[in-house]
Amino acid sequence: MTRAFLTRLVGVLVGLALSIAPAHSAARIKDVASLQAGRDNQLIGYGLVVGLQGTGDSLRSSPFTEQSLQSMLQNLGINTQGERSRARNIAAVLVTATLPPFASPGSRIDVTIGSLGDATSLRGGSLVMTSLTGADGQIYAVAQGSVVVTGFNAQGEAATLQQGVTTAGRVPNGAIIERELPARFKDGTDLVLQLRNPDFSTAVGMADAINRYAGTRYGGRIADARDSQSVYVQKPKRADLARLMAELENLVIETDVPARVVINERTGTIVIGQDVRISEVAVSYGTLTVQVTEMPQVVQPAPFSDGVTAVEPNTDIVAQQDGGTVAILNGSNLRTLVAGLNSIGVKPDGIISILQGIKSAGALQAELVLQ
């Protein structure tokens, strides 16, 4: 380890000692919680995409596509008995959508489609009228429209180029809602707010903020934090439920999340939450590099001899170890630590190894999530 490197490392540690934990962030209730009675619902359906330019299912390899085509044509009054199509301009797809809360009949939602057969691309196709059902088997929407595909592929006699996914796409505003979910909001006497990131501190803080507002507006407490995720709000007698929700969702509260470090070893990505700290720990990091080089040599026989040309192997092995200096860290802010290690040349895989070692030593005061 060079003297310059040690000097820079000491500077990093001094900066760590001076760092302080970040303050909790503030957010509106509508940004951190959702209404239990206003959750989304998933819809699914099976349909056909037509109008493809030879990139659809081969009906021999995807018999369900041919059966669906014949069934659709028969429903339209066209007899297809004894006939077999060989065109690859149709594809069987699975259609999915999300039914938002309080959606009314006549409104539109986006749908997502994905190929079920051996189609190579859905670009340029159109989704034929498809019923979308919920988990209860009821039809809630009908989808139809042109398919939008972001990927593309090009193929020649000797080369193929593909970018993105061409066997999945979207139909923007492609589904019309035909049935609304049973109404539960107006008939209720209370509200249940669910935190998207469960935390007791945030739940209690939300209930306190609501009660402070209700004490001035309605003259009493109306909120109670039942657990780390749910906050129950009792509707005052003279309050309208929709207006009450509009008032509460704009209240600003202090949010808190557990200290967490997320590491993706495949991409080298490190995401560090607030309040992540480390206890006193000594860290020594060094890399061992082994380089093996094959340099075969050609040996020529002597002139006018009976020898033949031969190739002799020649292997060169070089081993080099860098690092090894011990650094003692105590109560450091982990975000500043990673920034400092990165500034002195430690690569992401090295930072990941250091963080895993600190966690194994019990000095990382946070949850370590590996992806």
Protein backbone atom coordinates (compact mmCIF):
# COMPACT_ATOMS: atom_id res chain seq x y z
CA MET A 1 0.00 0.00 0.00
CA THR A 2 1.53 3.31 -1.00
CA ARG A 3 1.83 6.34 1.29
CA ALA A 4 -0.50 8.34 -0.98
CA PHE A 5 -3.18 5.67 -0.70
CA LEU A 6 -2.87 5.65 3.11
CA THR A 7 -3.18 9.44 3.19
CA ARG A 8 -6.38 9.33 1.14
CA LEU A 9 -7.78 6.53 3.30
CA VAL A 10 -7.17 8.56 6.48
CA GLY A 11 -8.99 11.49 4.86
CA VAL A 12 -11.96 9.25 4.14
CA LEU A 13 -12.09 8.02 7.74
CA VAL A 14 -11.94 11.58 9.09
CA GLY A 15 -14.88 12.49 6.87
CA LEU A 16 -16.75 9.48 8.22
CA ALA A 17 -16.19 10.57 11.79
CA LEU A 18 -17.68 13.99 11.03
CA SER A 19 -20.72 12.64 9.19
CA ILE A 20 -24.14 12.71 10.79
CA ALA A 21 -27.26 10.63 10.25
CA PRO A 22 -29.79 12.08 7.82
CA ALA A 23 -33.10 13.42 9.08
CA HIS A 24 -36.33 11.58 8.47
CA SER A 25 -38.14 12.65 5.34
CA ALA A 26 -41.60 14.18 5.19
CA ALA A 27 -44.33 13.01 2.83
CA ARG A 28 -48.06 13.26 2.32
CA ILE A 29 -50.25 10.42 3.53
CA LYS A 30 -51.43 9.76 -0.04
CA ASP A 31 -47.79 9.12 -1.07
CA VAL A 32 -47.01 6.52 1.60
CA ALA A 33 -50.37 4.82 2.19
CA SER A 34 -53.37 3.58 0.26
CA LEU A 35 -57.02 3.05 1.08
CA GLN A 36 -57.83 -0.58 1.85
CA ALA A 37 -61.20 -0.28 0.14
CA GLY A 38 -59.52 1.20 -2.94
CA ARG A 39 -57.21 -1.62 -3.99
CA ASP A 40 -56.58 -2.74 -7.56
CA ASN A 41 -57.98 -5.95 -9.05
CA GLN A 42 -56.36 -8.15 -11.69
CA LEU A 43 -58.11 -9.16 -14.91
CA ILE A 44 -57.14 -11.86 -17.40
CA GLY A 45 -58.31 -13.13 -20.77
CA TYR A 46 -57.37 -15.22 -23.81
CA GLY A 47 -57.44 -13.69 -27.27
CA LEU A 48 -56.08 -13.60 -30.80
CA VAL A 49 -53.86 -11.05 -32.51
CA VAL A 50 -54.40 -10.82 -36.27
CA GLY A 51 -52.77 -8.92 -39.11
CA LEU A 52 -49.20 -10.11 -38.49
CA GLN A 53 -46.77 -10.12 -41.42
CA GLY A 54 -45.80 -13.78 -41.36
CA THR A 55 -44.57 -13.62 -37.75
CA GLY A 56 -47.51 -15.34 -36.06
CA ASP A 57 -48.01 -18.87 -34.77
CA SER A 58 -47.40 -21.86 -36.99
CA LEU A 59 -50.73 -23.63 -36.70
CA ARG A 60 -49.06 -27.03 -36.78
CA SER A 61 -46.94 -26.24 -33.71
CA SER A 62 -49.71 -24.29 -31.93
CA PRO A 63 -52.92 -26.31 -32.37
CA PHE A 64 -54.80 -24.19 -29.81
CA THR A 65 -54.38 -21.18 -32.11
CA GLU A 66 -56.07 -23.03 -34.97
CA GLN A 67 -58.88 -24.19 -32.69
CA SER A 68 -59.45 -20.64 -31.46
CA LEU A 69 -59.47 -19.32 -35.02
CA GLN A 70 -62.04 -21.88 -36.15
CA SER A 71 -64.23 -21.19 -33.11
CA MET A 72 -64.13 -17.44 -33.76
CA LEU A 73 -65.00 -17.84 -37.44
CA GLN A 74 -67.87 -20.20 -36.65
CA ASN A 75 -69.28 -17.63 -34.22
CA LEU A 76 -69.17 -15.16 -37.11
CA GLY A 77 -71.14 -17.59 -39.29
CA ILE A 78 -68.21 -18.85 -41.39
CA ASN A 79 -67.91 -22.61 -41.91
CA THR A 80 -64.29 -23.79 -41.71
CA GLN A 81 -64.81 -27.56 -41.52
CA GLY A 82 -62.23 -29.47 -43.57
CA GLU A 83 -60.17 -26.35 -44.26
CA ARG A 84 -56.70 -25.75 -42.83
CA SER A 85 -54.92 -22.41 -42.95
CA ARG A 86 -51.17 -22.23 -43.38
CA ALA A 87 -50.80 -18.47 -43.00
CA ARG A 88 -48.71 -17.20 -40.08
CA ASN A 89 -50.58 -13.94 -39.60
CA ILE A 90 -52.35 -14.81 -36.34
CA ALA A 91 -51.12 -15.47 -32.80
CA ALA A 92 -52.71 -16.65 -29.57
CA VAL A 93 -52.05 -14.29 -26.66
CA LEU A 94 -52.74 -13.96 -22.97
CA VAL A 95 -54.28 -10.60 -22.10
CA THR A 96 -53.93 -9.01 -18.65
CA ALA A 97 -55.08 -5.72 -17.15
CA THR A 98 -55.45 -3.97 -13.82
CA LEU A 99 -58.88 -2.73 -12.81
CA PRO A 100 -58.34 0.44 -10.75
CA PRO A 101 -60.47 1.19 -7.70
CA PHE A 102 -63.75 3.03 -8.20
CA ALA A 103 -63.58 2.51 -11.99
CA SER A 104 -66.96 3.10 -13.62
CA PRO A 105 -68.43 1.45 -16.73
CA GLY A 106 -67.38 3.14 -19.94
CA SER A 107 -63.92 4.20 -18.78
CA ARG A 108 -60.83 2.76 -20.46
CA ILE A 109 -57.73 1.00 -19.15
CA ASP A 110 -54.50 -0.27 -20.71
CA VAL A 111 -53.97 -3.96 -21.38
CA THR A 112 -50.80 -6.04 -21.72
CA ILE A 113 -50.51 -9.03 -24.04
CA GLY A 114 -48.00 -11.85 -24.37
CA SER A 115 -47.65 -14.60 -26.96
CA LEU A 116 -48.61 -18.17 -26.03
CA GLY A 117 -47.37 -19.91 -29.18
CA ASP A 118 -44.28 -19.78 -31.37
CA ALA A 119 -44.94 -16.35 -32.87
CA THR A 120 -41.75 -14.37 -33.45
CA SER A 121 -43.26 -10.87 -33.32
CA LEU A 122 -46.56 -9.15 -32.52
CA ARG A 123 -45.56 -5.91 -34.22
CA GLY A 124 -48.26 -4.53 -36.51
CA GLY A 125 -51.00 -6.80 -35.16
CA SER A 126 -54.43 -6.02 -33.76
CA LEU A 127 -56.05 -7.66 -30.77
CA VAL A 128 -59.49 -9.08 -31.56
CA MET A 129 -62.30 -8.47 -29.05
CA THR A 130 -61.35 -10.28 -25.85
CA SER A 131 -63.31 -10.62 -22.61
CA LEU A 132 -61.38 -9.93 -19.41
CA THR A 133 -62.54 -11.70 -16.27
CA GLY A 134 -61.72 -11.33 -12.59
CA ALA A 135 -60.94 -13.96 -9.97
CA ASP A 136 -64.69 -14.48 -9.48
CA GLY A 137 -65.18 -15.44 -13.14
CA GLN A 138 -67.23 -12.34 -13.96
CA ILE A 139 -66.48 -10.27 -17.08
CA TYR A 140 -65.37 -6.77 -16.09
CA ALA A 141 -63.90 -5.41 -19.33
CA VAL A 142 -63.60 -6.07 -23.07
CA ALA A 143 -60.32 -5.39 -24.89
CA GLN A 144 -59.60 -4.70 -28.55
CA GLY A 145 -57.17 -2.53 -30.51
CA SER A 146 -53.77 -2.15 -32.15
CA VAL A 147 -50.78 -3.68 -30.40
CA VAL A 148 -47.78 -1.50 -29.54
CA VAL A 149 -44.46 -3.40 -29.42
CA THR A 150 -41.25 -1.68 -28.32
CA GLY A 151 -38.78 -4.31 -29.52
CA PHE A 152 -37.85 -5.19 -33.08
CA ASN A 153 -36.09 -7.92 -34.98
CA ALA A 154 -34.54 -8.14 -38.43
CA GLN A 155 -33.42 -11.29 -40.18
CA GLY A 156 -31.45 -12.04 -43.32
CA GLU A 157 -29.96 -15.12 -44.88
CA ALA A 158 -26.82 -15.06 -42.74
CA ALA A 159 -27.59 -12.81 -39.77
CA THR A 160 -30.34 -11.97 -37.29
CA LEU A 161 -30.70 -8.82 -35.18
CA GLN A 162 -33.13 -8.53 -32.29
CA GLN A 163 -33.52 -5.78 -29.71
CA GLY A 164 -36.03 -5.85 -26.88
CA VAL A 165 -39.00 -8.21 -26.63
CA THR A 166 -41.18 -8.59 -29.71
CA THR A 167 -43.54 -11.27 -28.38
CA ALA A 168 -45.17 -8.98 -25.80
CA GLY A 169 -46.81 -5.59 -26.08
CA ARG A 170 -49.51 -3.22 -24.89
CA VAL A 171 -52.80 -1.87 -26.15
CA PRO A 172 -53.10 1.65 -24.71
CA ASN A 173 -56.66 2.37 -23.54
CA GLY A 174 -57.56 -0.89 -25.24
CA ALA A 175 -60.13 -2.16 -22.74
CA ILE A 176 -63.54 -0.70 -21.94
CA ILE A 177 -64.86 -1.38 -18.45
CA GLU A 178 -68.28 -3.04 -18.58
CA ARG A 179 -68.89 -3.79 -14.91
CA GLU A 180 -67.92 -1.97 -11.73
CA LEU A 181 -66.89 -3.59 -8.49
CA PRO A 182 -69.38 -3.68 -5.62
CA ALA A 183 -69.28 -0.32 -3.85
CA ARG A 184 -67.86 -0.43 -0.34
CA PHE A 185 -66.53 3.06 0.18
CA LYS A 186 -69.70 5.11 0.62
CA ASP A 187 -71.35 2.40 2.70
CA GLY A 188 -68.52 2.25 5.23
CA THR A 189 -68.35 3.98 8.58
CA ASP A 190 -64.56 4.10 8.81
CA LEU A 191 -61.40 4.19 6.72
CA VAL A 192 -58.47 1.80 6.80
CA LEU A 193 -55.17 3.26 5.57
CA GLN A 194 -52.45 0.76 4.69
CA LEU A 195 -48.77 1.74 4.58
CA ARG A 196 -46.94 0.63 1.47
CA ASN A 197 -43.82 0.08 3.60
CA PRO A 198 -45.00 -1.22 6.99
CA ASP A 199 -43.33 0.49 9.94
CA PHE A 200 -44.58 1.07 13.49
CA SER A 201 -42.98 4.51 13.78
CA THR A 202 -44.62 5.73 10.58
CA ALA A 203 -47.99 4.20 11.50
CA VAL A 204 -48.03 5.84 14.93
CA GLY A 205 -46.86 9.14 13.45
CA MET A 206 -49.65 9.01 10.87
CA ALA A 207 -52.28 8.37 13.55
CA ASP A 208 -50.93 11.24 15.66
CA ALA A 209 -51.00 13.63 12.68
CA ILE A 210 -54.59 12.68 11.87
CA ASN A 211 -55.66 13.10 15.50
CA ARG A 212 -54.05 16.54 15.72
CA TYR A 213 -55.99 17.62 12.64
CA ALA A 214 -59.22 15.98 13.84
CA GLY A 215 -58.94 17.63 17.25
CA THR A 216 -59.12 21.03 15.58
CA ARG A 217 -61.54 20.10 12.80
CA TYR A 218 -63.92 17.70 14.56
CA GLY A 219 -63.11 18.13 18.24
CA GLY A 220 -61.73 14.67 19.04
CA ARG A 221 -59.48 11.74 18.15
CA ILE A 222 -60.51 9.58 15.21
CA ALA A 223 -57.39 7.55 14.27
CA ASP A 224 -55.75 4.50 15.81
CA ALA A 225 -52.65 2.60 14.64
CA ARG A 226 -53.56 -1.09 14.90
CA ASP A 227 -50.22 -2.51 13.71
CA SER A 228 -47.19 -1.60 11.60
CA GLN A 229 -49.27 -1.36 8.41
CA SER A 230 -52.85 -0.38 9.23
CA VAL A 231 -54.28 2.84 10.63
CA TYR A 232 -58.04 2.85 11.34
CA VAL A 233 -59.94 6.13 11.02
CA GLN A 234 -63.44 6.45 12.48
CA LYS A 235 -65.72 8.74 10.46
CA PRO A 236 -67.12 11.64 12.52
CA LYS A 237 -70.90 11.83 12.52
CA ARG A 238 -71.16 15.08 10.59
CA ALA A 239 -68.36 14.28 8.10
CA ASP A 240 -68.68 13.12 4.52
CA LEU A 241 -66.45 10.10 3.90
CA ALA A 242 -65.08 11.28 0.53
CA ARG A 243 -64.37 14.78 1.85
CA LEU A 244 -62.74 13.33 4.97
CA MET A 245 -60.40 11.22 2.85
CA ALA A 246 -59.53 14.24 0.69
CA GLU A 247 -58.60 16.19 3.81
CA LEU A 248 -56.54 13.44 5.41
CA GLU A 249 -54.55 12.33 2.36
CA ASN A 250 -52.88 15.74 2.07
CA LEU A 251 -51.60 15.79 5.66
CA VAL A 252 -47.79 15.76 5.85
CA ILE A 253 -46.19 13.18 8.16
CA GLU A 254 -42.66 12.09 9.06
CA THR A 255 -41.79 8.75 7.49
CA ASP A 256 -39.32 6.22 8.84
CA VAL A 257 -37.96 3.03 7.28
CA PRO A 258 -35.71 0.29 8.68
CA ALA A 259 -32.01 0.57 7.94
CA ARG A 260 -31.43 -1.58 4.88
CA VAL A 261 -28.66 -2.23 2.36
CA VAL A 262 -29.63 -3.86 -0.96
CA ILE A 263 -26.88 -5.45 -3.05
CA ASN A 264 -27.20 -6.86 -6.56
CA GLU A 265 -24.09 -8.99 -7.05
CA ARG A 266 -24.82 -9.58 -10.73
CA THR A 267 -24.80 -5.90 -11.72
CA GLY A 268 -22.69 -4.55 -8.86
CA THR A 269 -25.49 -2.22 -7.72
CA ILE A 270 -25.54 -1.05 -4.10
CA VAL A 271 -28.54 0.81 -2.63
CA ILE A 272 -28.21 2.13 0.92
CA GLY A 273 -31.10 3.44 2.98
CA GLN A 274 -30.93 6.15 5.60
CA ASP A 275 -29.70 5.56 9.17
CA VAL A 276 -27.41 2.70 8.11
CA ARG A 277 -24.42 2.68 10.45
CA ILE A 278 -21.60 0.36 11.47
CA SER A 279 -20.10 -0.44 14.86
CA GLU A 280 -16.37 -0.45 15.51
CA VAL A 281 -14.71 -2.92 13.17
CA ALA A 282 -11.29 -3.41 11.58
CA VAL A 283 -11.31 -3.92 7.81
CA SER A 284 -8.46 -5.24 5.68
CA TYR A 285 -9.02 -5.66 1.98
CA GLY A 286 -6.60 -6.87 -0.66
CA THR A 287 -6.91 -8.45 -4.07
CA LEU A 288 -4.90 -11.40 -5.37
CA THR A 289 -4.46 -11.40 -9.14
CA VAL A 290 -3.09 -14.47 -10.93
CA GLN A 291 -2.28 -14.09 -14.62
CA VAL A 292 -1.52 -17.15 -16.72
CA THR A 293 -0.03 -16.52 -20.17
CA GLU A 294 0.62 -19.20 -22.76
CA MET A 295 3.45 -18.32 -25.17
CA PRO A 296 4.26 -21.41 -27.24
CA GLN A 297 7.60 -21.32 -29.08
CA VAL A 298 8.32 -22.79 -32.49
CA VAL A 299 11.59 -24.76 -32.64
CA GLN A 300 13.15 -25.23 -36.08
CA PRO A 301 15.42 -28.21 -36.79
CA ALA A 302 19.08 -27.69 -37.72
CA PRO A 303 19.82 -27.23 -41.44
CA PHE A 304 20.23 -30.45 -43.46
CA SER A 305 19.06 -32.57 -40.50
CA ASP A 306 16.26 -35.11 -40.29
CA GLY A 307 14.45 -33.13 -37.59
CA VAL A 308 10.99 -31.63 -37.94
CA THR A 309 9.52 -28.36 -36.79
CA ALA A 310 8.11 -28.63 -33.27
CA VAL A 311 6.12 -26.42 -30.94
CA GLU A 312 7.26 -26.26 -27.34
CA PRO A 313 4.85 -25.02 -24.65
CA ASN A 314 5.91 -22.01 -22.63
CA THR A 315 3.72 -20.90 -19.70
CA ASP A 316 4.27 -17.70 -17.74
CA ILE A 317 2.44 -17.33 -14.38
CA VAL A 318 2.48 -14.02 -12.52
CA ALA A 319 0.80 -13.51 -9.12
CA GLN A 320 0.29 -10.05 -7.62
CA GLN A 321 -1.42 -9.09 -4.36
CA ASP A 322 -2.52 -5.53 -3.63
CA GLY A 323 -3.89 -3.99 -0.46
CA GLY A 324 -3.72 -5.53 2.97
CA THR A 325 -3.69 -2.39 5.15
CA VAL A 326 -6.01 -2.52 8.17
CA ALA A 327 -8.47 0.33 8.74
CA ILE A 328 -10.45 0.71 11.97
CA LEU A 329 -13.98 2.09 11.50
CA ASN A 330 -16.23 3.18 14.34
CA GLY A 331 -19.81 4.48 14.08
CA SER A 332 -19.36 5.55 10.48
CA ASN A 333 -22.15 6.60 8.19
CA LEU A 334 -22.23 3.79 5.64
CA ARG A 335 -23.18 5.93 2.66
CA THR A 336 -20.12 8.10 3.23
CA LEU A 337 -18.03 4.96 3.70
CA VAL A 338 -19.02 3.56 0.32
CA ALA A 339 -18.46 6.92 -1.37
CA GLY A 340 -15.02 7.13 0.22
CA LEU A 341 -14.01 3.60 -0.73
CA ASN A 342 -15.15 4.28 -4.27
CA SER A 343 -13.14 7.51 -4.43
CA ILE A 344 -9.90 5.73 -3.51
CA GLY A 345 -10.30 3.14 -6.22
CA VAL A 346 -12.13 0.19 -4.63
CA LYS A 347 -14.35 -1.36 -7.30
CA PRO A 348 -18.01 -2.33 -6.72
CA ASP A 349 -17.20 -6.03 -6.24
CA GLY A 350 -14.67 -5.02 -3.60
CA ILE A 351 -17.19 -2.79 -1.82
CA ILE A 352 -19.72 -5.63 -1.87
CA SER A 353 -17.18 -8.00 -0.30
CA ILE A 354 -16.36 -5.44 2.41
CA LEU A 355 -20.05 -4.91 3.24
CA GLN A 356 -20.67 -8.66 3.43
CA GLY A 357 -17.68 -9.06 5.73
CA ILE A 358 -18.86 -6.22 8.00
CA LYS A 359 -22.31 -7.85 8.19
CA SER A 360 -20.82 -11.26 9.02
CA ALA A 361 -18.81 -9.65 11.81
CA GLY A 362 -22.05 -8.28 13.29
CA ALA A 363 -20.94 -4.67 12.85
CA LEU A 364 -23.45 -3.64 10.19
CA GLN A 365 -26.49 -2.20 11.96
CA ALA A 366 -28.88 -2.81 9.10
CA GLU A 367 -30.59 -5.53 7.12
CA LEU A 368 -28.45 -6.79 4.23
CA VAL A 369 -30.54 -7.86 1.21
CA LEU A 370 -28.75 -9.82 -1.52
CA GLN A 371 -30.33 -10.07 -4.96
